[in-house]
Amino acid sequence: MTPEEESDALLDALAAGEAPDRRDPAARVLAVLRGDVVDQWRSSVSMTPST
C-alpha cells in the first residue's frame, strides 16, 4: 500500500467513525481532533434555539 493509499484509508476510517491504529501517533491525534469537533458540533446543535 502506498503512503497515499494509507492516508486515504485512515481518513476514510475516521470519517466512518472507526478507531484508528493506536500505535500510530498521528492517527491518534486525528481521532482526538475528530472527537472534539463532533462533540462541539453536538453542543452547538443542542444549544441552537428552534424557530
Protein backbone atom coordinates (compact mmCIF):
# COMPACT_ATOMS: atom_id res chain seq x y z
CA MET A 1 0.00 0.00 0.00
CA THR A 2 1.40 3.39 -0.96
CA PRO A 3 1.62 6.22 1.59
CA GLU A 4 -1.21 7.97 -0.26
CA GLU A 5 -3.41 4.88 -0.02
CA GLU A 6 -2.61 4.54 3.68
CA SER A 7 -3.59 8.18 4.26
CA ASP A 8 -6.81 7.72 2.31
CA ALA A 9 -7.64 4.57 4.28
CA LEU A 10 -7.01 6.37 7.58
CA LEU A 11 -9.19 9.33 6.61
CA ASP A 12 -11.95 7.00 5.37
CA ALA A 13 -11.87 5.09 8.66
CA LEU A 14 -12.02 8.30 10.71
CA ALA A 15 -14.88 9.61 8.58
CA ALA A 16 -16.77 6.38 9.24
CA GLY A 17 -16.16 6.74 12.99
CA GLU A 18 -13.84 3.76 13.20
CA ALA A 19 -10.96 3.68 15.66
CA PRO A 20 -7.56 4.14 14.01
CA ASP A 21 -4.43 2.12 14.66
CA ARG A 22 -3.48 3.02 18.25
CA ARG A 23 0.23 2.51 17.52
CA ASP A 24 0.25 5.42 15.08
CA PRO A 25 0.61 8.75 16.96
CA ALA A 26 -0.68 10.80 14.01
CA ALA A 27 -3.79 8.62 13.77
CA ARG A 28 -4.43 9.05 17.50
CA VAL A 29 -4.15 12.84 17.21
CA LEU A 30 -6.55 12.91 14.26
CA ALA A 31 -9.02 10.70 16.13
CA VAL A 32 -8.94 13.01 19.16
CA LEU A 33 -9.41 16.09 16.99
CA ARG A 34 -12.31 14.45 15.18
CA GLY A 35 -13.89 13.60 18.52
CA ASP A 36 -13.56 17.20 19.69
CA VAL A 37 -15.14 18.52 16.51
CA VAL A 38 -18.04 16.08 16.77
CA ASP A 39 -18.59 16.98 20.43
CA GLN A 40 -18.55 20.71 19.64
CA TRP A 41 -20.95 20.17 16.76
CA ARG A 42 -23.36 18.27 19.01
CA SER A 43 -23.13 21.01 21.63
CA SER A 44 -23.83 23.79 19.18
CA VAL A 45 -26.73 21.90 17.65
CA SER A 46 -28.34 21.25 21.02
CA MET A 47 -27.95 24.90 22.05
CA THR A 48 -29.42 26.32 18.85
CA PRO A 49 -32.88 27.72 19.58
CA SER A 50 -35.71 26.44 17.47
CA THR A 51 -37.69 28.89 15.40
